[in-house]
Structures are given as C-alpha cells and as structure tokens.
C-alpha cells in the first residue's frame, strides 16, 4: 500500500468515527441521515420495489420513515 493510500485510509477511518459519534448523540440527525440514505439508495437503484436490510434496533425507526 502506498503512503497516499495509507493516509487516505486513516482519513476515512477518522471521518467514519466522527460521523458515528455525531449521529449516536443526536437522534434527530440520525433520523434525517437514515431517511436521506434510504431515499438516495432508492433513487440510484431506479427500481419500483426495494428490500431494505435494517440493523437490529432500527426497525421501528425505518418503519416510521417509509411512508
């Protein structure tokens, strides 16, 4: 792995850690990000029907977002 790739991987890991910490402390932000990710994924897939695999504990939240 090159030095550049190593540094990019460190940056990615650091960004992911900060994002997770930020989202776990703010329920409204987490809800918004979940909704946006679901919509973005559905748009990119261009399918009439999709199946979501949901993390245990997020079932109720996703059920609220679907309508």
Protein backbone atom coordinates (compact mmCIF):
# COMPACT_ATOMS: atom_id res chain seq x y z
CA UNK A 1 0.00 0.00 0.00
CA UNK A 2 1.34 3.42 -0.88
CA UNK A 3 1.82 6.23 1.60
CA UNK A 4 -1.04 8.12 -0.05
CA UNK A 5 -3.43 5.18 0.27
CA UNK A 6 -2.43 4.70 3.90
CA UNK A 7 -3.16 8.34 4.66
CA UNK A 8 -6.48 8.21 2.81
CA UNK A 9 -7.48 5.12 4.78
CA UNK A 10 -6.60 6.87 8.06
CA UNK A 11 -8.68 9.88 7.00
CA UNK A 12 -11.61 7.64 6.05
CA UNK A 13 -11.46 5.82 9.38
CA UNK A 14 -11.23 9.07 11.33
CA UNK A 15 -14.16 10.58 9.41
CA UNK A 16 -16.25 7.46 9.97
CA UNK A 17 -15.53 7.53 13.71
CA UNK A 18 -16.51 11.21 13.95
CA UNK A 19 -19.69 10.62 11.96
CA UNK A 20 -20.74 7.70 14.14
CA UNK A 21 -20.08 9.65 17.34
CA UNK A 22 -22.01 12.63 15.99
CA UNK A 23 -25.01 10.54 14.94
CA UNK A 24 -25.25 8.44 18.09
CA UNK A 25 -25.50 11.58 20.20
CA UNK A 26 -28.23 13.28 18.10
CA UNK A 27 -31.39 11.27 17.44
CA UNK A 28 -32.88 13.88 15.08
CA UNK A 29 -29.71 13.97 12.98
CA UNK A 30 -29.61 10.14 12.90
CA UNK A 31 -33.23 10.03 11.73
CA UNK A 32 -32.51 12.56 8.98
CA UNK A 33 -29.39 10.73 7.79
CA UNK A 34 -31.24 7.40 7.73
CA UNK A 35 -34.08 8.88 5.68
CA UNK A 36 -31.68 10.56 3.25
CA UNK A 37 -29.63 7.38 2.79
CA UNK A 38 -32.73 5.30 2.09
CA UNK A 39 -34.02 7.84 -0.45
CA UNK A 40 -30.62 8.19 -2.10
CA UNK A 41 -30.25 4.43 -2.40
CA UNK A 42 -33.72 4.04 -3.88
CA UNK A 43 -33.07 6.79 -6.44
CA UNK A 44 -29.78 5.22 -7.51
CA UNK A 45 -31.31 1.78 -7.86
CA UNK A 46 -34.15 3.01 -10.12
CA UNK A 47 -36.33 0.10 -9.07
CA UNK A 48 -40.05 0.07 -8.37
CA UNK A 49 -39.57 -2.21 -5.37
CA UNK A 50 -36.64 -2.49 -2.99
CA UNK A 51 -35.88 -4.60 0.06
CA UNK A 52 -34.12 -2.96 2.99
CA UNK A 53 -31.89 -4.85 5.38
CA UNK A 54 -32.13 -2.96 8.64
CA UNK A 55 -29.79 -3.07 11.60
CA UNK A 56 -31.34 -4.62 14.70
CA UNK A 57 -32.72 -1.79 16.80
CA UNK A 58 -33.53 0.43 13.81
CA UNK A 59 -36.63 -1.47 12.67
CA UNK A 60 -39.12 0.92 14.28
CA UNK A 61 -37.27 3.99 13.04
CA UNK A 62 -37.19 2.73 9.44
CA UNK A 63 -40.85 1.71 9.64
CA UNK A 64 -41.68 5.31 10.61
CA UNK A 65 -39.61 6.70 7.73
CA UNK A 66 -41.04 4.54 4.95
CA UNK A 67 -44.33 6.41 4.40
